[in-house]
Amino acid sequence: MAVYVDDAFVAGDWGRWTGGGHLQADTPEELLAFAARLGLAPAWLQARPGRPERDHYDLTATCRRRALELGAWSETWREGVRRRQAARAASDRRARPPDRPSARR
């Protein structure tokens, strides 16, 4: 299990978010625990019902640096997209009922 910080707001002018990114994790529990270590309020969580792989916190540049100091893995926003797509595909495979052999006579 891991916690990740992407570089979504590093380039360009994003106002107060410039230089920051998204904080995400492999599990909702890990995300909330790490966010608490950073001093982020649970109410700041941006959750997607039915899509837990998309849950995240937006981070300022200072908070992004602190998350990395605390052990979060740095990733590009593109790497984050691929990681979330793979997590979603794995979740969908686990949720799908097993294939049944066809009945032939």
PDB file of N, CA and C in Angstrom:
ATOM      1  N   MET A   1       0.839  -1.182   0.000  1.00  0.00           N
ATOM      2  CA  MET A   1       0.000   0.000   0.000  1.00  0.00           C
ATOM      3  C   MET A   1       0.883   1.245   0.000  1.00  0.00           C
ATOM      4  N   ALA A   2       0.376   2.298  -0.639  1.00  0.00           N
ATOM      5  CA  ALA A   2       1.189   3.504  -0.755  1.00  0.00           C
ATOM      6  C   ALA A   2       0.328   4.755  -0.829  1.00  0.00           C
ATOM      7  N   VAL A   3       0.968   5.884  -0.593  1.00  0.00           N
ATOM      8  CA  VAL A   3       0.356   7.202  -0.717  1.00  0.00           C
ATOM      9  C   VAL A   3       1.137   7.932  -1.805  1.00  0.00           C
ATOM     10  N   TYR A   4       0.435   8.666  -2.650  1.00  0.00           N
ATOM     11  CA  TYR A   4       1.030   9.300  -3.818  1.00  0.00           C
ATOM     12  C   TYR A   4       0.723  10.792  -3.850  1.00  0.00           C
ATOM     13  N   VAL A   5       1.659  11.568  -4.417  1.00  0.00           N
ATOM     14  CA  VAL A   5       1.444  12.987  -4.680  1.00  0.00           C
ATOM     15  C   VAL A   5       1.811  13.224  -6.135  1.00  0.00           C
ATOM     16  N   ASP A   6       0.864  13.763  -6.903  1.00  0.00           N
ATOM     17  CA  ASP A   6       1.182  14.045  -8.299  1.00  0.00           C
ATOM     18  C   ASP A   6       1.623  15.494  -8.465  1.00  0.00           C
ATOM     19  N   ASP A   7       1.951  15.847  -9.698  1.00  0.00           N
ATOM     20  CA  ASP A   7       2.446  17.189 -10.008  1.00  0.00           C
ATOM     21  C   ASP A   7       1.422  18.001 -10.794  1.00  0.00           C
ATOM     22  N   ALA A   8       0.154  17.782 -10.521  1.00  0.00           N
ATOM     23  CA  ALA A   8      -0.917  18.380 -11.324  1.00  0.00           C
ATOM     24  C   ALA A   8      -0.881  19.906 -11.372  1.00  0.00           C
ATOM     25  N   PHE A   9      -0.422  20.553 -10.314  1.00  0.00           N
ATOM     26  CA  PHE A   9      -0.450  22.019 -10.266  1.00  0.00           C
ATOM     27  C   PHE A   9       0.944  22.640 -10.315  1.00  0.00           C
ATOM     28  N   VAL A  10       1.956  21.843 -10.676  1.00  0.00           N
ATOM     29  CA  VAL A  10       3.329  22.345 -10.671  1.00  0.00           C
ATOM     30  C   VAL A  10       3.550  23.346 -11.798  1.00  0.00           C
ATOM     31  N   ALA A  11       3.032  23.064 -12.987  1.00  0.00           N
ATOM     32  CA  ALA A  11       3.195  23.975 -14.120  1.00  0.00           C
ATOM     33  C   ALA A  11       1.965  24.865 -14.257  1.00  0.00           C
ATOM     34  N   GLY A  12       2.186  26.097 -14.636  1.00  0.00           N
ATOM     35  CA  GLY A  12       1.067  27.010 -14.856  1.00  0.00           C
ATOM     36  C   GLY A  12       0.708  27.791 -13.610  1.00  0.00           C
ATOM     37  N   ASP A  13      -0.288  28.636 -13.755  1.00  0.00           N
ATOM     38  CA  ASP A  13      -0.757  29.456 -12.642  1.00  0.00           C
ATOM     39  C   ASP A  13      -2.089  28.921 -12.151  1.00  0.00           C
ATOM     40  N   TRP A  14      -2.066  28.308 -10.993  1.00  0.00           N
ATOM     41  CA  TRP A  14      -3.257  27.719 -10.387  1.00  0.00           C
ATOM     42  C   TRP A  14      -3.660  28.480  -9.127  1.00  0.00           C
ATOM     43  N   GLY A  15      -3.234  29.723  -9.008  1.00  0.00           N
ATOM     44  CA  GLY A  15      -3.562  30.504  -7.820  1.00  0.00           C
ATOM     45  C   GLY A  15      -2.901  29.889  -6.596  1.00  0.00           C
ATOM     46  N   ARG A  16      -3.654  29.729  -5.518  1.00  0.00           N
ATOM     47  CA  ARG A  16      -3.082  29.202  -4.271  1.00  0.00           C
ATOM     48  C   ARG A  16      -2.567  27.775  -4.418  1.00  0.00           C
ATOM     49  N   TRP A  17      -3.005  27.052  -5.441  1.00  0.00           N
ATOM     50  CA  TRP A  17      -2.590  25.657  -5.632  1.00  0.00           C
ATOM     51  C   TRP A  17      -1.316  25.534  -6.462  1.00  0.00           C
ATOM     52  N   THR A  18      -0.814  26.636  -7.043  1.00  0.00           N
ATOM     53  CA  THR A  18       0.383  26.577  -7.881  1.00  0.00           C
ATOM     54  C   THR A  18       1.527  25.890  -7.139  1.00  0.00           C
ATOM     55  N   GLY A  19       2.125  24.905  -7.804  1.00  0.00           N
ATOM     56  CA  GLY A  19       3.223  24.147  -7.208  1.00  0.00           C
ATOM     57  C   GLY A  19       2.763  22.939  -6.424  1.00  0.00           C
ATOM     58  N   GLY A  20       1.468  22.776  -6.278  1.00  0.00           N
ATOM     59  CA  GLY A  20       0.921  21.668  -5.498  1.00  0.00           C
ATOM     60  C   GLY A  20       0.547  20.480  -6.354  1.00  0.00           C
ATOM     61  N   GLY A  21      -0.344  19.664  -5.838  1.00  0.00           N
ATOM     62  CA  GLY A  21      -0.784  18.474  -6.555  1.00  0.00           C
ATOM     63  C   GLY A  21      -1.912  17.794  -5.816  1.00  0.00           C
ATOM     64  N   HIS A  22      -2.148  16.549  -6.173  1.00  0.00           N
ATOM     65  CA  HIS A  22      -3.197  15.741  -5.552  1.00  0.00           C
ATOM     66  C   HIS A  22      -2.566  14.691  -4.650  1.00  0.00           C
ATOM     67  N   LEU A  23      -3.138  14.508  -3.482  1.00  0.00           N
ATOM     68  CA  LEU A  23      -2.732  13.449  -2.563  1.00  0.00           C
ATOM     69  C   LEU A  23      -3.721  12.307  -2.721  1.00  0.00           C
ATOM     70  N   GLN A  24      -3.219  11.112  -3.059  1.00  0.00           N
ATOM     71  CA  GLN A  24      -4.068   9.938  -3.223  1.00  0.00           C
ATOM     72  C   GLN A  24      -3.391   8.749  -2.554  1.00  0.00           C
ATOM     73  N   ALA A  25      -4.130   7.661  -2.388  1.00  0.00           N
ATOM     74  CA  ALA A  25      -3.570   6.461  -1.762  1.00  0.00           C
ATOM     75  C   ALA A  25      -4.243   5.228  -2.339  1.00  0.00           C
ATOM     76  N   ASP A  26      -3.663   4.073  -2.021  1.00  0.00           N
ATOM     77  CA  ASP A  26      -4.219   2.811  -2.504  1.00  0.00           C
ATOM     78  C   ASP A  26      -5.539   2.462  -1.824  1.00  0.00           C
ATOM     79  N   THR A  27      -5.730   2.944  -0.592  1.00  0.00           N
ATOM     80  CA  THR A  27      -6.982   2.667   0.118  1.00  0.00           C
ATOM     81  C   THR A  27      -7.506   3.955   0.752  1.00  0.00           C
ATOM     82  N   PRO A  28      -8.822   4.057   0.930  1.00  0.00           N
ATOM     83  CA  PRO A  28      -9.376   5.241   1.596  1.00  0.00           C
ATOM     84  C   PRO A  28      -8.835   5.412   3.016  1.00  0.00           C
ATOM     85  N   GLU A  29      -8.619   4.313   3.717  1.00  0.00           N
ATOM     86  CA  GLU A  29      -8.114   4.387   5.092  1.00  0.00           C
ATOM     87  C   GLU A  29      -6.711   4.990   5.130  1.00  0.00           C
ATOM     88  N   GLU A  30      -5.864   4.557   4.196  1.00  0.00           N
ATOM     89  CA  GLU A  30      -4.511   5.106   4.111  1.00  0.00           C
ATOM     90  C   GLU A  30      -4.527   6.586   3.779  1.00  0.00           C
ATOM     91  N   LEU A  31      -5.404   6.967   2.875  1.00  0.00           N
ATOM     92  CA  LEU A  31      -5.503   8.366   2.477  1.00  0.00           C
ATOM     93  C   LEU A  31      -5.897   9.232   3.668  1.00  0.00           C
ATOM     94  N   LEU A  32      -6.917   8.811   4.399  1.00  0.00           N
ATOM     95  CA  LEU A  32      -7.375   9.597   5.550  1.00  0.00           C
ATOM     96  C   LEU A  32      -6.315   9.670   6.644  1.00  0.00           C
ATOM     97  N   ALA A  33      -5.621   8.563   6.898  1.00  0.00           N
ATOM     98  CA  ALA A  33      -4.591   8.548   7.934  1.00  0.00           C
ATOM     99  C   ALA A  33      -3.428   9.472   7.558  1.00  0.00           C
ATOM    100  N   PHE A  34      -2.997   9.426   6.300  1.00  0.00           N
ATOM    101  CA  PHE A  34      -1.885  10.266   5.870  1.00  0.00           C
ATOM    102  C   PHE A  34      -2.309  11.733   5.876  1.00  0.00           C
ATOM    103  N   ALA A  35      -3.525  12.013   5.435  1.00  0.00           N
ATOM    104  CA  ALA A  35      -4.025  13.390   5.436  1.00  0.00           C
ATOM    105  C   ALA A  35      -4.056  13.948   6.855  1.00  0.00           C
ATOM    106  N   ALA A  36      -4.423  13.109   7.820  1.00  0.00           N
ATOM    107  CA  ALA A  36      -4.440  13.552   9.216  1.00  0.00           C
ATOM    108  C   ALA A  36      -3.026  13.920   9.671  1.00  0.00           C
ATOM    109  N   ARG A  37      -2.028  13.141   9.247  1.00  0.00           N
ATOM    110  CA  ARG A  37      -0.633  13.459   9.589  1.00  0.00           C
ATOM    111  C   ARG A  37      -0.219  14.812   9.011  1.00  0.00           C
ATOM    112  N   LEU A  38      -0.791  15.169   7.867  1.00  0.00           N
ATOM    113  CA  LEU A  38      -0.491  16.454   7.233  1.00  0.00           C
ATOM    114  C   LEU A  38      -1.307  17.601   7.827  1.00  0.00           C
ATOM    115  N   GLY A  39      -2.282  17.264   8.659  1.00  0.00           N
ATOM    116  CA  GLY A  39      -3.145  18.286   9.243  1.00  0.00           C
ATOM    117  C   GLY A  39      -4.298  18.687   8.349  1.00  0.00           C
ATOM    118  N   LEU A  40      -4.647  17.831   7.380  1.00  0.00           N
ATOM    119  CA  LEU A  40      -5.769  18.120   6.481  1.00  0.00           C
ATOM    120  C   LEU A  40      -7.078  17.663   7.118  1.00  0.00           C
ATOM    121  N   ALA A  41      -8.101  18.465   6.997  1.00  0.00           N
ATOM    122  CA  ALA A  41      -9.407  18.135   7.567  1.00  0.00           C
ATOM    123  C   ALA A  41     -10.098  17.068   6.724  1.00  0.00           C
ATOM    124  N   PRO A  42     -10.758  16.095   7.357  1.00  0.00           N
ATOM    125  CA  PRO A  42     -11.500  15.084   6.598  1.00  0.00           C
ATOM    126  C   PRO A  42     -12.519  15.703   5.629  1.00  0.00           C
ATOM    127  N   ALA A  43     -13.062  16.854   5.992  1.00  0.00           N
ATOM    128  CA  ALA A  43     -14.054  17.514   5.133  1.00  0.00           C
ATOM    129  C   ALA A  43     -13.454  17.998   3.816  1.00  0.00           C
ATOM    130  N   TRP A  44     -12.139  18.102   3.731  1.00  0.00           N
ATOM    131  CA  TRP A  44     -11.492  18.564   2.501  1.00  0.00           C
ATOM    132  C   TRP A  44     -11.309  17.447   1.492  1.00  0.00           C
ATOM    133  N   LEU A  45     -11.605  16.232   1.882  1.00  0.00           N
ATOM    134  CA  LEU A  45     -11.490  15.093   0.969  1.00  0.00           C
ATOM    135  C   LEU A  45     -12.445  15.279  -0.205  1.00  0.00           C
ATOM    136  N   GLN A  46     -11.945  15.085  -1.402  1.00  0.00           N
ATOM    137  CA  GLN A  46     -12.783  15.117  -2.596  1.00  0.00           C
ATOM    138  C   GLN A  46     -13.034  13.667  -2.994  1.00  0.00           C
ATOM    139  N   ALA A  47     -14.214  13.181  -2.631  1.00  0.00           N
ATOM    140  CA  ALA A  47     -14.557  11.776  -2.832  1.00  0.00           C
ATOM    141  C   ALA A  47     -15.478  11.617  -4.034  1.00  0.00           C
ATOM    142  N   ARG A  48     -15.305  10.494  -4.713  1.00  0.00           N
ATOM    143  CA  ARG A  48     -16.138  10.154  -5.853  1.00  0.00           C
ATOM    144  C   ARG A  48     -16.913   8.888  -5.490  1.00  0.00           C
ATOM    145  N   PRO A  49     -18.206   8.992  -5.165  1.00  0.00           N
ATOM    146  CA  PRO A  49     -18.971   7.790  -4.806  1.00  0.00           C
ATOM    147  C   PRO A  49     -18.854   6.714  -5.881  1.00  0.00           C
ATOM    148  N   GLY A  50     -18.536   5.518  -5.442  1.00  0.00           N
ATOM    149  CA  GLY A  50     -18.385   4.402  -6.360  1.00  0.00           C
ATOM    150  C   GLY A  50     -17.057   4.391  -7.101  1.00  0.00           C
ATOM    151  N   ARG A  51     -16.218   5.372  -6.891  1.00  0.00           N
ATOM    152  CA  ARG A  51     -14.920   5.467  -7.568  1.00  0.00           C
ATOM    153  C   ARG A  51     -13.832   5.816  -6.546  1.00  0.00           C
ATOM    154  N   PRO A  52     -13.589   4.970  -5.559  1.00  0.00           N
ATOM    155  CA  PRO A  52     -12.626   5.324  -4.501  1.00  0.00           C
ATOM    156  C   PRO A  52     -11.215   5.559  -5.014  1.00  0.00           C
ATOM    157  N   GLU A  53     -10.881   5.027  -6.189  1.00  0.00           N
ATOM    158  CA  GLU A  53      -9.540   5.259  -6.735  1.00  0.00           C
ATOM    159  C   GLU A  53      -9.348   6.724  -7.145  1.00  0.00           C
ATOM    160  N   ARG A  54     -10.428   7.486  -7.204  1.00  0.00           N
ATOM    161  CA  ARG A  54     -10.360   8.908  -7.570  1.00  0.00           C
ATOM    162  C   ARG A  54     -10.347   9.832  -6.361  1.00  0.00           C
ATOM    163  N   ASP A  55     -10.546   9.293  -5.145  1.00  0.00           N
ATOM    164  CA  ASP A  55     -10.554  10.124  -3.937  1.00  0.00           C
ATOM    165  C   ASP A  55      -9.209  10.824  -3.781  1.00  0.00           C
ATOM    166  N   HIS A  56      -9.246  12.109  -3.411  1.00  0.00           N
ATOM    167  CA  HIS A  56      -7.997  12.851  -3.262  1.00  0.00           C
ATOM    168  C   HIS A  56      -8.181  14.120  -2.445  1.00  0.00           C
ATOM    169  N   TYR A  57      -7.056  14.678  -2.039  1.00  0.00           N
ATOM    170  CA  TYR A  57      -6.979  16.008  -1.452  1.00  0.00           C
ATOM    171  C   TYR A  57      -6.153  16.864  -2.401  1.00  0.00           C
ATOM    172  N   ASP A  58      -6.529  18.129  -2.578  1.00  0.00           N
ATOM    173  CA  ASP A  58      -5.692  19.076  -3.301  1.00  0.00           C
ATOM    174  C   ASP A  58      -4.661  19.616  -2.325  1.00  0.00           C
ATOM    175  N   LEU A  59      -3.412  19.736  -2.777  1.00  0.00           N
ATOM    176  CA  LEU A  59      -2.327  20.202  -1.922  1.00  0.00           C
ATOM    177  C   LEU A  59      -1.703  21.477  -2.473  1.00  0.00           C
ATOM    178  N   THR A  60      -1.374  22.383  -1.567  1.00  0.00           N
ATOM    179  CA  THR A  60      -0.575  23.544  -1.936  1.00  0.00           C
ATOM    180  C   THR A  60       0.873  23.076  -2.109  1.00  0.00           C
ATOM    181  N   ALA A  61       1.743  23.953  -2.607  1.00  0.00           N
ATOM    182  CA  ALA A  61       3.150  23.601  -2.797  1.00  0.00           C
ATOM    183  C   ALA A  61       3.799  23.209  -1.466  1.00  0.00           C
ATOM    184  N   THR A  62       3.514  23.956  -0.413  1.00  0.00           N
ATOM    185  CA  THR A  62       4.093  23.659   0.900  1.00  0.00           C
ATOM    186  C   THR A  62       3.626  22.304   1.406  1.00  0.00           C
ATOM    187  N   CYS A  63       2.355  22.037   1.276  1.00  0.00           N
ATOM    188  CA  CYS A  63       1.795  20.762   1.745  1.00  0.00           C
ATOM    189  C   CYS A  63       2.304  19.603   0.880  1.00  0.00           C
ATOM    190  N   ARG A  64       2.494  19.848  -0.409  1.00  0.00           N
ATOM    191  CA  ARG A  64       3.043  18.813  -1.300  1.00  0.00           C
ATOM    192  C   ARG A  64       4.449  18.426  -0.848  1.00  0.00           C
ATOM    193  N   ARG A  65       5.293  19.446  -0.572  1.00  0.00           N
ATOM    194  CA  ARG A  65       6.655  19.170  -0.099  1.00  0.00           C
ATOM    195  C   ARG A  65       6.628  18.394   1.210  1.00  0.00           C
ATOM    196  N   ARG A  66       5.749  18.763   2.121  1.00  0.00           N
ATOM    197  CA  ARG A  66       5.643  18.087   3.425  1.00  0.00           C
ATOM    198  C   ARG A  66       5.207  16.636   3.236  1.00  0.00           C
ATOM    199  N   ALA A  67       4.261  16.384   2.334  1.00  0.00           N
ATOM    200  CA  ALA A  67       3.803  15.012   2.066  1.00  0.00           C
ATOM    201  C   ALA A  67       4.954  14.156   1.554  1.00  0.00           C
ATOM    202  N   LEU A  68       5.769  14.718   0.680  1.00  0.00           N
ATOM    203  CA  LEU A  68       6.919  13.983   0.153  1.00  0.00           C
ATOM    204  C   LEU A  68       7.936  13.707   1.261  1.00  0.00           C
ATOM    205  N   GLU A  69       8.133  14.675   2.153  1.00  0.00           N
ATOM    206  CA  GLU A  69       9.031  14.484   3.296  1.00  0.00           C
ATOM    207  C   GLU A  69       8.541  13.361   4.208  1.00  0.00           C
ATOM    208  N   LEU A  70       7.215  13.214   4.311  1.00  0.00           N
ATOM    209  CA  LEU A  70       6.629  12.186   5.172  1.00  0.00           C
ATOM    210  C   LEU A  70       6.566  10.814   4.498  1.00  0.00           C
ATOM    211  N   GLY A  71       7.016  10.723   3.244  1.00  0.00           N
ATOM    212  CA  GLY A  71       7.105   9.426   2.597  1.00  0.00           C
ATOM    213  C   GLY A  71       6.149   9.153   1.459  1.00  0.00           C
ATOM    214  N   ALA A  72       5.377  10.144   1.034  1.00  0.00           N
ATOM    215  CA  ALA A  72       4.507   9.931  -0.127  1.00  0.00           C
ATOM    216  C   ALA A  72       5.367   9.739  -1.371  1.00  0.00           C
ATOM    217  N   TRP A  73       4.875   8.932  -2.297  1.00  0.00           N
ATOM    218  CA  TRP A  73       5.573   8.690  -3.564  1.00  0.00           C
ATOM    219  C   TRP A  73       5.224   9.803  -4.539  1.00  0.00           C
ATOM    220  N   SER A  74       6.235  10.368  -5.185  1.00  0.00           N
ATOM    221  CA  SER A  74       6.014  11.386  -6.201  1.00  0.00           C
ATOM    222  C   SER A  74       5.704  10.705  -7.530  1.00  0.00           C
ATOM    223  N   GLU A  75       4.726  11.248  -8.250  1.00  0.00           N
ATOM    224  CA  GLU A  75       4.380  10.735  -9.568  1.00  0.00           C
ATOM    225  C   GLU A  75       3.916  11.896 -10.429  1.00  0.00           C
ATOM    226  N   THR A  76       4.033  11.739 -11.745  1.00  0.00           N
ATOM    227  CA  THR A  76       3.475  12.747 -12.638  1.00  0.00           C
ATOM    228  C   THR A  76       1.964  12.557 -12.666  1.00  0.00           C
ATOM    229  N   TRP A  77       1.256  13.561 -13.145  1.00  0.00           N
ATOM    230  CA  TRP A  77      -0.198  13.402 -13.210  1.00  0.00           C
ATOM    231  C   TRP A  77      -0.557  12.292 -14.189  1.00  0.00           C
ATOM    232  N   ARG A  78       0.245  12.102 -15.236  1.00  0.00           N
ATOM    233  CA  ARG A  78      -0.026  11.027 -16.201  1.00  0.00           C
ATOM    234  C   ARG A  78       0.162   9.649 -15.559  1.00  0.00           C
ATOM    235  N   GLU A  79       1.217   9.505 -14.752  1.00  0.00           N
ATOM    236  CA  GLU A  79       1.414   8.244 -14.032  1.00  0.00           C
ATOM    237  C   GLU A  79       0.238   7.977 -13.097  1.00  0.00           C
ATOM    238  N   GLY A  80      -0.269   9.038 -12.472  1.00  0.00           N
ATOM    239  CA  GLY A  80      -1.426   8.901 -11.598  1.00  0.00           C
ATOM    240  C   GLY A  80      -2.657   8.419 -12.350  1.00  0.00           C
ATOM    241  N   VAL A  81      -2.863   8.945 -13.546  1.00  0.00           N
ATOM    242  CA  VAL A  81      -3.994   8.513 -14.374  1.00  0.00           C
ATOM    243  C   VAL A  81      -3.877   7.016 -14.677  1.00  0.00           C
ATOM    244  N   ARG A  82      -2.690   6.586 -15.091  1.00  0.00           N
ATOM    245  CA  ARG A  82      -2.488   5.157 -15.410  1.00  0.00           C
ATOM    246  C   ARG A  82      -2.684   4.282 -14.167  1.00  0.00           C
ATOM    247  N   ARG A  83      -2.182   4.743 -13.016  1.00  0.00           N
ATOM    248  CA  ARG A  83      -2.345   3.968 -11.775  1.00  0.00           C
ATOM    249  C   ARG A  83      -3.824   3.829 -11.423  1.00  0.00           C
ATOM    250  N   ARG A  84      -4.567   4.924 -11.534  1.00  0.00           N
ATOM    251  CA  ARG A  84      -6.003   4.871 -11.210  1.00  0.00           C
ATOM    252  C   ARG A  84      -6.771   4.001 -12.200  1.00  0.00           C
ATOM    253  N   GLN A  85      -6.416   4.067 -13.478  1.00  0.00           N
ATOM    254  CA  GLN A  85      -7.077   3.216 -14.473  1.00  0.00           C
ATOM    255  C   GLN A  85      -6.820   1.742 -14.173  1.00  0.00           C
ATOM    256  N   ALA A  86      -5.590   1.399 -13.807  1.00  0.00           N
ATOM    257  CA  ALA A  86      -5.266   0.013 -13.472  1.00  0.00           C
ATOM    258  C   ALA A  86      -6.011  -0.432 -12.222  1.00  0.00           C
ATOM    259  N   ALA A  87      -6.121   0.456 -11.235  1.00  0.00           N
ATOM    260  CA  ALA A  87      -6.852   0.114 -10.004  1.00  0.00           C
ATOM    261  C   ALA A  87      -8.326  -0.108 -10.300  1.00  0.00           C
ATOM    262  N   ARG A  88      -8.883   0.733 -11.157  1.00  0.00           N
ATOM    263  CA  ARG A  88     -10.303   0.597 -11.521  1.00  0.00           C
ATOM    264  C   ARG A  88     -10.538  -0.715 -12.277  1.00  0.00           C
ATOM    265  N   ALA A  89      -9.658  -1.043 -13.205  1.00  0.00           N
ATOM    266  CA  ALA A  89      -9.796  -2.283 -13.976  1.00  0.00           C
ATOM    267  C   ALA A  89      -9.705  -3.497 -13.053  1.00  0.00           C
ATOM    268  N   ALA A  90      -8.779  -3.465 -12.102  1.00  0.00           N
ATOM    269  CA  ALA A  90      -8.641  -4.577 -11.152  1.00  0.00           C
ATOM    270  C   ALA A  90      -9.887  -4.695 -10.287  1.00  0.00           C
ATOM    271  N   SER A  91     -10.426  -3.581  -9.861  1.00  0.00           N
ATOM    272  CA  SER A  91     -11.650  -3.580  -9.052  1.00  0.00           C
ATOM    273  C   SER A  91     -12.830  -4.138  -9.846  1.00  0.00           C
ATOM    274  N   ASP A  92     -12.931  -3.744 -11.102  1.00  0.00           N
ATOM    275  CA  ASP A  92     -14.013  -4.236 -11.958  1.00  0.00           C
ATOM    276  C   ASP A  92     -13.897  -5.748 -12.165  1.00  0.00           C
ATOM    277  N   ARG A  93     -12.670  -6.236 -12.345  1.00  0.00           N
ATOM    278  CA  ARG A  93     -12.472  -7.686 -12.523  1.00  0.00           C
ATOM    279  C   ARG A  93     -12.891  -8.452 -11.270  1.00  0.00           C
ATOM    280  N   ARG A  94     -12.558  -7.907 -10.097  1.00  0.00           N
ATOM    281  CA  ARG A  94     -12.932  -8.583  -8.841  1.00  0.00           C
ATOM    282  C   ARG A  94     -14.443  -8.582  -8.634  1.00  0.00           C
ATOM    283  N   ALA A  95     -15.120  -7.540  -9.104  1.00  0.00           N
ATOM    284  CA  ALA A  95     -16.561  -7.420  -8.897  1.00  0.00           C
ATOM    285  C   ALA A  95     -17.374  -8.257  -9.872  1.00  0.00           C
ATOM    286  N   ARG A  96     -16.768  -8.626 -10.996  1.00  0.00           N
ATOM    287  CA  ARG A  96     -17.473  -9.386 -12.030  1.00  0.00           C
ATOM    288  C   ARG A  96     -17.622 -10.838 -11.592  1.00  0.00           C
ATOM    289  N   PRO A  97     -18.808 -11.433 -11.760  1.00  0.00           N
ATOM    290  CA  PRO A  97     -18.964 -12.850 -11.425  1.00  0.00           C
ATOM    291  C   PRO A  97     -18.111 -13.708 -12.351  1.00  0.00           C
ATOM    292  N   PRO A  98     -17.650 -14.848 -11.867  1.00  0.00           N
ATOM    293  CA  PRO A  98     -16.820 -15.715 -12.718  1.00  0.00           C
ATOM    294  C   PRO A  98     -17.611 -16.203 -13.920  1.00  0.00           C
ATOM    295  N   ASP A  99     -16.879 -16.420 -15.006  1.00  0.00           N
ATOM    296  CA  ASP A  99     -17.507 -16.953 -16.221  1.00  0.00           C
ATOM    297  C   ASP A  99     -18.007 -18.358 -15.934  1.00  0.00           C
ATOM    298  N   ARG A 100     -19.176 -18.668 -16.480  1.00  0.00           N
ATOM    299  CA  ARG A 100     -19.744 -20.018 -16.314  1.00  0.00           C
ATOM    300  C   ARG A 100     -19.606 -20.738 -17.634  1.00  0.00           C
ATOM    301  N   PRO A 101     -19.228 -21.991 -17.575  1.00  0.00           N
ATOM    302  CA  PRO A 101     -19.147 -22.750 -18.837  1.00  0.00           C
ATOM    303  C   PRO A 101     -20.534 -22.863 -19.459  1.00  0.00           C
ATOM    304  N   SER A 102     -20.570 -22.811 -20.763  1.00  0.00           N
ATOM    305  CA  SER A 102     -21.861 -22.923 -21.431  1.00  0.00           C
ATOM    306  C   SER A 102     -22.332 -24.367 -21.381  1.00  0.00           C
ATOM    307  N   ALA A 103     -23.621 -24.526 -21.270  1.00  0.00           N
ATOM    308  CA  ALA A 103     -24.206 -25.876 -21.207  1.00  0.00           C
ATOM    309  C   ALA A 103     -24.441 -26.372 -22.629  1.00  0.00           C
ATOM    310  N   ARG A 104     -23.722 -27.421 -23.023  1.00  0.00           N
ATOM    311  CA  ARG A 104     -23.874 -27.987 -24.360  1.00  0.00           C
ATOM    312  C   ARG A 104     -24.367 -29.420 -24.219  1.00  0.00           C
ATOM    313  N   ARG A 105     -25.197 -29.806 -25.113  1.00  0.00           N
ATOM    314  CA  ARG A 105     -25.691 -31.194 -25.108  1.00  0.00           C
ATOM    315  C   ARG A 105     -25.523 -31.801 -26.443  1.00  0.00           C
TER     316      ARG A 105
END
